[in-house]
Amino acid sequence: MAGNGGRGRGGGRPTLEEVAARAGVGRGTVSRVINGSP
């Protein structure tokens, strides 16, 4: 019984926009963290 983590879009992974909104930061910040940029 795998859920979608409570996200309404139905996917298993959150989007950059979802992560950024939850963290209160911009998309670029999330992208840099994911890609390991300073």
N, C-alpha and C. Protein backbone atom coordinates (compact mmCIF):
# COMPACT_ATOMS: atom_id res chain seq x y z
N MET A 1 0.84 -1.19 0.00
CA MET A 1 0.00 0.00 0.00
C MET A 1 0.88 1.25 0.00
N ALA A 2 1.41 1.59 -1.13
CA ALA A 2 2.27 2.75 -1.25
C ALA A 2 1.44 3.98 -1.59
N GLY A 3 1.63 5.02 -0.81
CA GLY A 3 0.91 6.26 -1.06
C GLY A 3 1.78 7.23 -1.83
N ASN A 4 1.27 8.41 -2.07
CA ASN A 4 2.03 9.42 -2.78
C ASN A 4 2.56 10.48 -1.85
N GLY A 5 2.64 10.19 -0.57
CA GLY A 5 3.19 11.15 0.37
C GLY A 5 2.29 12.33 0.64
N GLY A 6 1.03 12.24 0.27
CA GLY A 6 0.10 13.33 0.53
C GLY A 6 0.10 14.40 -0.55
N ARG A 7 0.87 14.19 -1.60
CA ARG A 7 0.91 15.18 -2.68
C ARG A 7 -0.25 14.92 -3.64
N GLY A 8 -0.83 15.98 -4.14
CA GLY A 8 -2.00 15.84 -4.97
C GLY A 8 -1.72 15.48 -6.41
N ARG A 9 -0.48 15.59 -6.87
CA ARG A 9 -0.21 15.36 -8.28
C ARG A 9 -0.07 13.89 -8.63
N GLY A 10 0.03 13.01 -7.62
CA GLY A 10 0.02 11.58 -7.87
C GLY A 10 1.37 10.94 -8.05
N GLY A 11 2.45 11.71 -8.18
CA GLY A 11 3.77 11.12 -8.37
C GLY A 11 4.42 10.74 -7.06
N GLY A 12 5.49 9.97 -7.14
CA GLY A 12 6.19 9.54 -5.96
C GLY A 12 7.23 10.54 -5.49
N ARG A 13 7.79 11.30 -6.41
CA ARG A 13 8.84 12.26 -6.06
C ARG A 13 8.29 13.68 -6.07
N PRO A 14 8.74 14.49 -5.12
CA PRO A 14 8.31 15.89 -5.13
C PRO A 14 9.03 16.65 -6.24
N THR A 15 8.40 17.69 -6.75
CA THR A 15 9.04 18.54 -7.75
C THR A 15 9.92 19.56 -7.05
N LEU A 16 10.78 20.22 -7.82
CA LEU A 16 11.61 21.29 -7.27
C LEU A 16 10.73 22.36 -6.65
N GLU A 17 9.62 22.67 -7.30
CA GLU A 17 8.71 23.69 -6.79
C GLU A 17 8.13 23.30 -5.44
N GLU A 18 7.77 22.03 -5.29
CA GLU A 18 7.20 21.56 -4.03
C GLU A 18 8.22 21.61 -2.90
N VAL A 19 9.44 21.18 -3.19
CA VAL A 19 10.50 21.21 -2.18
C VAL A 19 10.81 22.65 -1.79
N ALA A 20 10.93 23.53 -2.79
CA ALA A 20 11.24 24.93 -2.53
C ALA A 20 10.16 25.59 -1.69
N ALA A 21 8.90 25.34 -2.04
CA ALA A 21 7.79 25.93 -1.29
C ALA A 21 7.79 25.44 0.15
N ARG A 22 8.02 24.16 0.34
CA ARG A 22 8.01 23.57 1.69
C ARG A 22 9.15 24.13 2.53
N ALA A 23 10.32 24.36 1.88
CA ALA A 23 11.50 24.85 2.59
C ALA A 23 11.53 26.37 2.71
N GLY A 24 10.69 27.04 1.94
CA GLY A 24 10.67 28.50 1.97
C GLY A 24 11.85 29.12 1.25
N VAL A 25 12.34 28.43 0.21
CA VAL A 25 13.46 28.93 -0.58
C VAL A 25 13.07 28.91 -2.05
N GLY A 26 13.96 29.40 -2.90
CA GLY A 26 13.68 29.43 -4.32
C GLY A 26 14.05 28.13 -5.01
N ARG A 27 13.52 27.95 -6.22
CA ARG A 27 13.82 26.76 -7.02
C ARG A 27 15.31 26.62 -7.29
N GLY A 28 15.96 27.74 -7.55
CA GLY A 28 17.40 27.71 -7.84
C GLY A 28 18.20 27.18 -6.67
N THR A 29 17.80 27.55 -5.47
CA THR A 29 18.48 27.07 -4.26
C THR A 29 18.35 25.56 -4.15
N VAL A 30 17.16 25.05 -4.36
CA VAL A 30 16.93 23.61 -4.28
C VAL A 30 17.75 22.90 -5.36
N SER A 31 17.77 23.44 -6.55
CA SER A 31 18.52 22.84 -7.64
C SER A 31 20.01 22.78 -7.32
N ARG A 32 20.54 23.87 -6.77
CA ARG A 32 21.97 23.89 -6.41
C ARG A 32 22.29 22.86 -5.35
N VAL A 33 21.43 22.71 -4.36
CA VAL A 33 21.66 21.72 -3.30
C VAL A 33 21.64 20.31 -3.88
N ILE A 34 20.66 20.03 -4.72
CA ILE A 34 20.55 18.69 -5.31
C ILE A 34 21.77 18.37 -6.17
N ASN A 35 22.23 19.36 -6.91
CA ASN A 35 23.36 19.14 -7.82
C ASN A 35 24.72 19.33 -7.17
N GLY A 36 24.74 19.69 -5.89
CA GLY A 36 26.00 19.81 -5.17
C GLY A 36 26.80 21.06 -5.48
N SER A 37 26.16 22.10 -5.98
CA SER A 37 26.85 23.35 -6.26
C SER A 37 26.91 24.21 -5.00
N PRO A 38 27.98 24.98 -4.87
CA PRO A 38 28.10 25.86 -3.69
C PRO A 38 27.10 27.00 -3.68
